[in-house]
C-alpha cells in the first residue's frame, strides 16, 4: 500500500505542477488579452476618429474644389473684362491724342491769323426774305408707277394615279 500512496502522492505532485504551469500560462495569456483588448479599443477609437476626419476632409476637399472652379471662372471673366477695358482704353487714348493733335493744329492756325482779322466779325450776306403775302408750297413729285409684270401661267404636273388594287374573290 505504501507504493500506492507514493504513486498517488507523485501523481498529486505532478498534477499540482501541471496546474501551476497551466495557471501561470492562463495568467500570462489573460495579461496579454487585457493588453491587446486595450490596444484594440485604442485602435478602434483612432479608426473612428480618422474615419470622421476623412469624411470632413472629403467634404472640405469637395467644397474647395467647387470654390476653385468658381475662382477659375471668375479669373477668366475678369481677364476678359480687363482685356476689353485695355482695348477700349487704347482706343480712347488714341482718339484723345487725335483730338488733341487737331486742337493743337486749329490753335496754331488761329495763332497764325493776324489780330485784325480775328477781331472783325465776318459779314454774312443778307438772305432774301420771303414775301409775307405769298407762301409757296414745296413741289412734290408723284411717285413713278411701275409697269405691271405679266407672270407666266404656272403649269401643274399631272397627278399620279395610284395603281388599282386587286381584289381577291371570296
C-alpha atoms as a PDB file:
ATOM      1  CA  UNK A   1       0.000   0.000   0.000  1.00  0.00           C
ATOM      2  CA  UNK A   2       2.744   2.370   0.529  1.00  0.00           C
ATOM      3  CA  UNK A   3       3.593   2.029  -3.127  1.00  0.00           C
ATOM      4  CA  UNK A   4       0.094   3.107  -3.962  1.00  0.00           C
ATOM      5  CA  UNK A   5       0.323   6.045  -1.591  1.00  0.00           C
ATOM      6  CA  UNK A   6       3.685   7.035  -3.027  1.00  0.00           C
ATOM      7  CA  UNK A   7       2.321   6.771  -6.535  1.00  0.00           C
ATOM      8  CA  UNK A   8      -0.729   8.765  -5.574  1.00  0.00           C
ATOM      9  CA  UNK A   9       1.450  11.424  -3.940  1.00  0.00           C
ATOM     10  CA  UNK A  10       3.648  11.596  -7.035  1.00  0.00           C
ATOM     11  CA  UNK A  11       0.551  11.839  -9.205  1.00  0.00           C
ATOM     12  CA  UNK A  12      -0.840  14.666  -6.991  1.00  0.00           C
ATOM     13  CA  UNK A  13       2.526  16.468  -7.075  1.00  0.00           C
ATOM     14  CA  UNK A  14       2.665  16.069 -10.848  1.00  0.00           C
ATOM     15  CA  UNK A  15      -0.906  17.341 -11.222  1.00  0.00           C
ATOM     16  CA  UNK A  16      -0.147  20.311  -8.918  1.00  0.00           C
ATOM     17  CA  UNK A  17       2.883  21.160 -11.024  1.00  0.00           C
ATOM     18  CA  UNK A  18       0.820  20.950 -14.222  1.00  0.00           C
ATOM     19  CA  UNK A  19      -1.926  23.029 -12.597  1.00  0.00           C
ATOM     20  CA  UNK A  20       0.610  25.702 -11.599  1.00  0.00           C
ATOM     21  CA  UNK A  21       2.046  25.690 -15.133  1.00  0.00           C
ATOM     22  CA  UNK A  22      -1.461  25.983 -16.622  1.00  0.00           C
ATOM     23  CA  UNK A  23      -2.376  28.691 -14.107  1.00  0.00           C
ATOM     24  CA  UNK A  24       0.791  30.650 -14.965  1.00  0.00           C
ATOM     25  CA  UNK A  25       0.054  30.277 -18.684  1.00  0.00           C
ATOM     26  CA  UNK A  26      -3.574  31.352 -18.147  1.00  0.00           C
ATOM     27  CA  UNK A  27      -2.485  34.400 -16.130  1.00  0.00           C
ATOM     28  CA  UNK A  28       0.099  35.308 -18.765  1.00  0.00           C
ATOM     29  CA  UNK A  29      -2.495  34.877 -21.535  1.00  0.00           C
ATOM     30  CA  UNK A  30      -5.018  36.927 -19.520  1.00  0.00           C
ATOM     31  CA  UNK A  31      -2.470  39.774 -19.227  1.00  0.00           C
ATOM     32  CA  UNK A  32      -1.764  39.545 -22.954  1.00  0.00           C
ATOM     33  CA  UNK A  33      -5.516  39.515 -23.687  1.00  0.00           C
ATOM     34  CA  UNK A  34      -6.100  42.575 -21.469  1.00  0.00           C
ATOM     35  CA  UNK A  35      -3.232  44.441 -23.148  1.00  0.00           C
ATOM     36  CA  UNK A  36      -4.417  43.510 -26.638  1.00  0.00           C
ATOM     37  CA  UNK A  37      -8.037  44.402 -25.740  1.00  0.00           C
ATOM     38  CA  UNK A  38      -6.892  47.830 -24.566  1.00  0.00           C
ATOM     39  CA  UNK A  39      -4.815  48.233 -27.740  1.00  0.00           C
ATOM     40  CA  UNK A  40      -7.835  47.135 -29.800  1.00  0.00           C
ATOM     41  CA  UNK A  41     -10.063  49.717 -28.086  1.00  0.00           C
ATOM     42  CA  UNK A  42      -7.495  52.449 -28.713  1.00  0.00           C
ATOM     43  CA  UNK A  43      -7.084  51.374 -32.357  1.00  0.00           C
ATOM     44  CA  UNK A  44     -10.861  51.278 -32.830  1.00  0.00           C
ATOM     45  CA  UNK A  45     -11.262  54.760 -31.325  1.00  0.00           C
ATOM     46  CA  UNK A  46      -8.444  56.015 -33.565  1.00  0.00           C
ATOM     47  CA  UNK A  47     -10.049  54.361 -36.619  1.00  0.00           C
ATOM     48  CA  UNK A  48     -13.388  56.035 -35.872  1.00  0.00           C
ATOM     49  CA  UNK A  49     -11.675  59.385 -35.344  1.00  0.00           C
ATOM     50  CA  UNK A  50      -9.743  59.076 -38.606  1.00  0.00           C
ATOM     51  CA  UNK A  51     -12.855  57.924 -40.470  1.00  0.00           C
ATOM     52  CA  UNK A  52     -14.736  61.018 -39.279  1.00  0.00           C
ATOM     53  CA  UNK A  53     -11.732  63.203 -40.115  1.00  0.00           C
ATOM     54  CA  UNK A  54     -11.615  61.657 -43.601  1.00  0.00           C
ATOM     55  CA  UNK A  55     -15.306  62.392 -44.107  1.00  0.00           C
ATOM     56  CA  UNK A  56     -14.771  66.009 -43.062  1.00  0.00           C
ATOM     57  CA  UNK A  57     -11.675  66.247 -45.263  1.00  0.00           C
ATOM     58  CA  UNK A  58     -13.602  64.893 -48.266  1.00  0.00           C
ATOM     59  CA  UNK A  59     -16.376  67.443 -47.707  1.00  0.00           C
ATOM     60  CA  UNK A  60     -13.805  70.190 -47.361  1.00  0.00           C
ATOM     61  CA  UNK A  61     -11.963  68.992 -50.482  1.00  0.00           C
ATOM     62  CA  UNK A  62     -15.245  68.959 -52.438  1.00  0.00           C
ATOM     63  CA  UNK A  63     -16.048  72.462 -51.214  1.00  0.00           C
ATOM     64  CA  UNK A  64     -12.547  73.694 -52.032  1.00  0.00           C
ATOM     65  CA  UNK A  65     -12.780  72.105 -55.476  1.00  0.00           C
ATOM     66  CA  UNK A  66     -16.035  73.962 -56.136  1.00  0.00           C
ATOM     67  CA  UNK A  67     -14.529  77.199 -54.841  1.00  0.00           C
ATOM     68  CA  UNK A  68     -11.510  76.665 -57.092  1.00  0.00           C
ATOM     69  CA  UNK A  69     -13.835  76.185 -60.083  1.00  0.00           C
ATOM     70  CA  UNK A  70     -15.697  79.381 -59.225  1.00  0.00           C
ATOM     71  CA  UNK A  71     -12.413  81.232 -58.773  1.00  0.00           C
ATOM     72  CA  UNK A  72     -11.178  79.913 -62.126  1.00  0.00           C
ATOM     73  CA  UNK A  73     -14.356  81.121 -63.852  1.00  0.00           C
ATOM     74  CA  UNK A  74     -14.012  84.475 -62.104  1.00  0.00           C
ATOM     75  CA  UNK A  75     -10.392  84.741 -63.235  1.00  0.00           C
ATOM     76  CA  UNK A  76     -11.382  84.045 -66.842  1.00  0.00           C
ATOM     77  CA  UNK A  77     -14.254  86.540 -66.712  1.00  0.00           C
ATOM     78  CA  UNK A  78     -12.170  89.269 -65.087  1.00  0.00           C
ATOM     79  CA  UNK A  79      -9.308  88.610 -67.519  1.00  0.00           C
ATOM     80  CA  UNK A  80     -11.684  89.030 -70.455  1.00  0.00           C
ATOM     81  CA  UNK A  81     -13.125  92.162 -68.866  1.00  0.00           C
ATOM     82  CA  UNK A  82      -9.620  93.512 -68.235  1.00  0.00           C
ATOM     83  CA  UNK A  83      -8.603  92.794 -71.843  1.00  0.00           C
ATOM     84  CA  UNK A  84     -11.755  94.510 -73.141  1.00  0.00           C
ATOM     85  CA  UNK A  85     -11.116  97.506 -70.890  1.00  0.00           C
ATOM     86  CA  UNK A  86      -7.480  97.683 -72.034  1.00  0.00           C
ATOM     87  CA  UNK A  87      -8.611  97.585 -75.672  1.00  0.00           C
ATOM     88  CA  UNK A  88     -11.203 100.309 -75.055  1.00  0.00           C
ATOM     89  CA  UNK A  89      -8.616 102.371 -73.169  1.00  0.00           C
ATOM     90  CA  UNK A  90      -6.218 102.108 -76.102  1.00  0.00           C
ATOM     91  CA  UNK A  91      -8.986 103.238 -78.461  1.00  0.00           C
ATOM     92  CA  UNK A  92      -9.997 106.153 -76.230  1.00  0.00           C
ATOM     93  CA  UNK A  93      -6.395 107.246 -75.670  1.00  0.00           C
ATOM     94  CA  UNK A  94      -5.785 107.154 -79.437  1.00  0.00           C
ATOM     95  CA  UNK A  95      -8.965 109.173 -80.025  1.00  0.00           C
ATOM     96  CA  UNK A  96      -7.952 111.667 -77.333  1.00  0.00           C
ATOM     97  CA  UNK A  97      -4.466 112.011 -78.863  1.00  0.00           C
ATOM     98  CA  UNK A  98      -6.036 112.543 -82.297  1.00  0.00           C
ATOM     99  CA  UNK A  99      -8.400 115.212 -80.911  1.00  0.00           C
ATOM    100  CA  UNK A 100      -5.512 116.888 -79.055  1.00  0.00           C
ATOM    101  CA  UNK A 101      -3.489 116.989 -82.295  1.00  0.00           C
ATOM    102  CA  UNK A 102      -6.438 118.509 -84.154  1.00  0.00           C
ATOM    103  CA  UNK A 103      -6.924 121.076 -81.385  1.00  0.00           C
ATOM    104  CA  UNK A 104      -3.225 121.971 -81.468  1.00  0.00           C
ATOM    105  CA  UNK A 105      -3.403 122.344 -85.248  1.00  0.00           C
ATOM    106  CA  UNK A 106      -6.516 124.552 -85.018  1.00  0.00           C
ATOM    107  CA  UNK A 107      -4.939 126.686 -82.270  1.00  0.00           C
ATOM    108  CA  UNK A 108      -1.766 127.038 -84.360  1.00  0.00           C
ATOM    109  CA  UNK A 109      -3.850 128.113 -87.356  1.00  0.00           C
ATOM    110  CA  UNK A 110      -5.716 130.601 -85.151  1.00  0.00           C
ATOM    111  CA  UNK A 111      -2.461 131.964 -83.774  1.00  0.00           C
ATOM    112  CA  UNK A 112      -1.118 132.419 -87.323  1.00  0.00           C
ATOM    113  CA  UNK A 113      -4.027 134.668 -88.334  1.00  0.00           C
ATOM    114  CA  UNK A 114      -3.338 138.390 -87.860  1.00  0.00           C
ATOM    115  CA  UNK A 115      -5.095 140.045 -84.915  1.00  0.00           C
ATOM    116  CA  UNK A 116      -7.054 142.474 -87.087  1.00  0.00           C
ATOM    117  CA  UNK A 117      -8.891 139.727 -88.914  1.00  0.00           C
ATOM    118  CA  UNK A 118      -9.763 137.958 -85.747  1.00  0.00           C
ATOM    119  CA  UNK A 119     -11.352 140.949 -84.044  1.00  0.00           C
ATOM    120  CA  UNK A 120     -13.530 141.988 -87.015  1.00  0.00           C
ATOM    121  CA  UNK A 121     -16.616 139.857 -87.410  1.00  0.00           C
ATOM    122  CA  UNK A 122     -17.091 138.348 -90.809  1.00  0.00           C
ATOM    123  CA  UNK A 123     -20.120 139.897 -92.536  1.00  0.00           C
ATOM    124  CA  UNK A 124     -22.695 137.443 -93.768  1.00  0.00           C
ATOM    125  CA  UNK A 125     -24.537 138.143 -96.997  1.00  0.00           C
ATOM    126  CA  UNK A 126     -28.167 139.109 -96.411  1.00  0.00           C
ATOM    127  CA  UNK A 127     -30.587 136.374 -97.267  1.00  0.00           C
ATOM    128  CA  UNK A 128     -33.631 137.290 -99.308  1.00  0.00           C
ATOM    129  CA  UNK A 129     -36.690 137.383 -97.116  1.00  0.00           C
ATOM    130  CA  UNK A 130     -39.784 135.682 -98.472  1.00  0.00           C
ATOM    131  CA  UNK A 131     -42.731 137.933 -99.145  1.00  0.00           C
ATOM    132  CA  UNK A 132     -45.346 137.635 -96.439  1.00  0.00           C
ATOM    133  CA  UNK A 133     -48.264 137.578 -98.884  1.00  0.00           C
ATOM    134  CA  UNK A 134     -47.159 134.543-100.766  1.00  0.00           C
ATOM    135  CA  UNK A 135     -46.123 131.283 -99.252  1.00  0.00           C
ATOM    136  CA  UNK A 136     -45.034 128.734-101.768  1.00  0.00           C
ATOM    137  CA  UNK A 137     -45.691 125.131-101.011  1.00  0.00           C
ATOM    138  CA  UNK A 138     -42.881 122.831-101.921  1.00  0.00           C
ATOM    139  CA  UNK A 139     -43.420 120.982-105.162  1.00  0.00           C
ATOM    140  CA  UNK A 140     -43.702 117.272-104.757  1.00  0.00           C
ATOM    141  CA  UNK A 141     -43.150 114.744-107.465  1.00  0.00           C
ATOM    142  CA  UNK A 142     -45.662 111.981-107.878  1.00  0.00           C
ATOM    143  CA  UNK A 143     -44.133 108.566-107.443  1.00  0.00           C
ATOM    144  CA  UNK A 144     -43.450 106.786-110.691  1.00  0.00           C
ATOM    145  CA  UNK A 145     -45.763 103.887-111.364  1.00  0.00           C
ATOM    146  CA  UNK A 146     -44.206 100.618-112.218  1.00  0.00           C
ATOM    147  CA  UNK A 147     -45.418  98.735-115.232  1.00  0.00           C
ATOM    148  CA  UNK A 148     -47.298  95.593-114.291  1.00  0.00           C
ATOM    149  CA  UNK A 149     -45.259  92.469-114.799  1.00  0.00           C
ATOM    150  CA  UNK A 150     -47.019  89.617-116.536  1.00  0.00           C
ATOM    151  CA  UNK A 151     -46.393  86.297-114.959  1.00  0.00           C
ATOM    152  CA  UNK A 152     -46.319  83.124-116.974  1.00  0.00           C
ATOM    153  CA  UNK A 153     -49.096  80.725-116.089  1.00  0.00           C
ATOM    154  CA  UNK A 154     -47.980  78.011-113.763  1.00  0.00           C
ATOM    155  CA  UNK A 155     -48.343  74.526-115.227  1.00  0.00           C
ATOM    156  CA  UNK A 156     -49.369  71.884-112.807  1.00  0.00           C
ATOM    157  CA  UNK A 157     -47.777  68.463-113.063  1.00  0.00           C
ATOM    158  CA  UNK A 158     -50.264  65.730-113.833  1.00  0.00           C
ATOM    159  CA  UNK A 159     -51.403  63.901-110.753  1.00  0.00           C
ATOM    160  CA  UNK A 160     -50.043  60.370-110.477  1.00  0.00           C
ATOM    161  CA  UNK A 161     -52.671  57.757-110.213  1.00  0.00           C
ATOM    162  CA  UNK A 162     -52.273  55.018-107.682  1.00  0.00           C
ATOM    163  CA  UNK A 163     -52.228  51.526-109.192  1.00  0.00           C
ATOM    164  CA  UNK A 164     -55.526  49.780-108.969  1.00  0.00           C
ATOM    165  CA  UNK A 165     -55.885  47.366-106.088  1.00  0.00           C
ATOM    166  CA  UNK A 166     -56.502  43.812-106.947  1.00  0.00           C
ATOM    167  CA  UNK A 167     -59.488  42.355-105.225  1.00  0.00           C
ATOM    168  CA  UNK A 168     -59.413  38.766-104.211  1.00  0.00           C
ATOM    169  CA  UNK A 169     -62.624  36.913-104.811  1.00  0.00           C
ATOM    170  CA  UNK A 170     -64.272  35.289-101.876  1.00  0.00           C
END
